[in-house]
Amino acid sequence: MPKPEIYMTLRLTQPQQDLLREYCQQTGRNQTDVLQELVRG
Protein backbone atom coordinates (compact mmCIF):
# COMPACT_ATOMS: atom_id res chain seq x y z
CA MET A 1 0.00 0.00 0.00
CA PRO A 2 1.42 3.43 -0.88
CA LYS A 3 2.32 5.78 1.94
CA PRO A 4 -0.51 8.26 2.62
CA GLU A 5 0.14 11.79 1.51
CA ILE A 6 -2.93 13.44 3.03
CA TYR A 7 -4.13 13.28 6.62
CA MET A 8 -7.69 14.15 7.55
CA THR A 9 -9.58 14.85 10.75
CA LEU A 10 -13.11 13.53 11.03
CA ARG A 11 -15.71 14.83 13.46
CA LEU A 12 -18.25 12.32 14.71
CA THR A 13 -20.95 12.42 17.32
CA GLN A 14 -20.46 10.05 20.24
CA PRO A 15 -23.10 7.63 18.93
CA GLN A 16 -21.39 7.58 15.52
CA GLN A 17 -18.02 6.90 17.14
CA ASP A 18 -19.56 4.10 19.19
CA LEU A 19 -21.00 2.50 16.04
CA LEU A 20 -17.66 2.76 14.23
CA ARG A 21 -15.76 1.20 17.14
CA GLU A 22 -18.33 -1.59 17.46
CA TYR A 23 -18.12 -2.32 13.73
CA CYS A 24 -14.34 -2.40 13.87
CA GLN A 25 -14.40 -4.82 16.80
CA GLN A 26 -16.88 -7.08 15.01
CA THR A 27 -14.86 -7.16 11.79
CA GLY A 28 -11.39 -7.15 13.37
CA ARG A 29 -10.36 -4.13 11.31
CA ASN A 30 -9.10 -0.72 12.36
CA GLN A 31 -10.95 2.53 11.78
CA THR A 32 -8.59 3.71 9.04
CA ASP A 33 -9.13 0.55 6.99
CA VAL A 34 -12.91 0.77 7.35
CA LEU A 35 -13.07 4.45 6.38
CA GLN A 36 -10.69 4.01 3.43
CA GLU A 37 -12.87 1.19 2.10
CA LEU A 38 -15.94 3.42 2.35
CA VAL A 39 -14.20 6.16 0.40
CA ARG A 40 -13.09 3.67 -2.30
CA GLY A 41 -16.58 2.16 -2.55
C-alpha atoms as a PDB file:
ATOM      1  CA  MET A   1       0.000   0.000   0.000  1.00  0.00           C
ATOM      2  CA  PRO A   2       1.424   3.429  -0.878  1.00  0.00           C
ATOM      3  CA  LYS A   3       2.324   5.778   1.939  1.00  0.00           C
ATOM      4  CA  PRO A   4      -0.505   8.256   2.621  1.00  0.00           C
ATOM      5  CA  GLU A   5       0.138  11.794   1.512  1.00  0.00           C
ATOM      6  CA  ILE A   6      -2.932  13.444   3.030  1.00  0.00           C
ATOM      7  CA  TYR A   7      -4.126  13.279   6.615  1.00  0.00           C
ATOM      8  CA  MET A   8      -7.689  14.151   7.551  1.00  0.00           C
ATOM      9  CA  THR A   9      -9.584  14.853  10.746  1.00  0.00           C
ATOM     10  CA  LEU A  10     -13.108  13.531  11.025  1.00  0.00           C
ATOM     11  CA  ARG A  11     -15.712  14.825  13.461  1.00  0.00           C
ATOM     12  CA  LEU A  12     -18.246  12.321  14.710  1.00  0.00           C
ATOM     13  CA  THR A  13     -20.954  12.417  17.318  1.00  0.00           C
ATOM     14  CA  GLN A  14     -20.459  10.047  20.237  1.00  0.00           C
ATOM     15  CA  PRO A  15     -23.104   7.627  18.926  1.00  0.00           C
ATOM     16  CA  GLN A  16     -21.388   7.584  15.515  1.00  0.00           C
ATOM     17  CA  GLN A  17     -18.015   6.899  17.139  1.00  0.00           C
ATOM     18  CA  ASP A  18     -19.559   4.096  19.192  1.00  0.00           C
ATOM     19  CA  LEU A  19     -20.996   2.499  16.042  1.00  0.00           C
ATOM     20  CA  LEU A  20     -17.662   2.759  14.228  1.00  0.00           C
ATOM     21  CA  ARG A  21     -15.760   1.198  17.137  1.00  0.00           C
ATOM     22  CA  GLU A  22     -18.326  -1.588  17.458  1.00  0.00           C
ATOM     23  CA  TYR A  23     -18.121  -2.320  13.727  1.00  0.00           C
ATOM     24  CA  CYS A  24     -14.336  -2.399  13.871  1.00  0.00           C
ATOM     25  CA  GLN A  25     -14.397  -4.816  16.804  1.00  0.00           C
ATOM     26  CA  GLN A  26     -16.876  -7.082  15.014  1.00  0.00           C
ATOM     27  CA  THR A  27     -14.861  -7.157  11.793  1.00  0.00           C
ATOM     28  CA  GLY A  28     -11.391  -7.155  13.368  1.00  0.00           C
ATOM     29  CA  ARG A  29     -10.361  -4.129  11.313  1.00  0.00           C
ATOM     30  CA  ASN A  30      -9.099  -0.720  12.356  1.00  0.00           C
ATOM     31  CA  GLN A  31     -10.949   2.532  11.778  1.00  0.00           C
ATOM     32  CA  THR A  32      -8.593   3.712   9.043  1.00  0.00           C
ATOM     33  CA  ASP A  33      -9.131   0.548   6.988  1.00  0.00           C
ATOM     34  CA  VAL A  34     -12.907   0.775   7.348  1.00  0.00           C
ATOM     35  CA  LEU A  35     -13.075   4.450   6.376  1.00  0.00           C
ATOM     36  CA  GLN A  36     -10.691   4.008   3.434  1.00  0.00           C
ATOM     37  CA  GLU A  37     -12.867   1.195   2.097  1.00  0.00           C
ATOM     38  CA  LEU A  38     -15.945   3.421   2.353  1.00  0.00           C
ATOM     39  CA  VAL A  39     -14.196   6.160   0.402  1.00  0.00           C
ATOM     40  CA  ARG A  40     -13.087   3.672  -2.303  1.00  0.00           C
ATOM     41  CA  GLY A  41     -16.585   2.158  -2.548  1.00  0.00           C
END
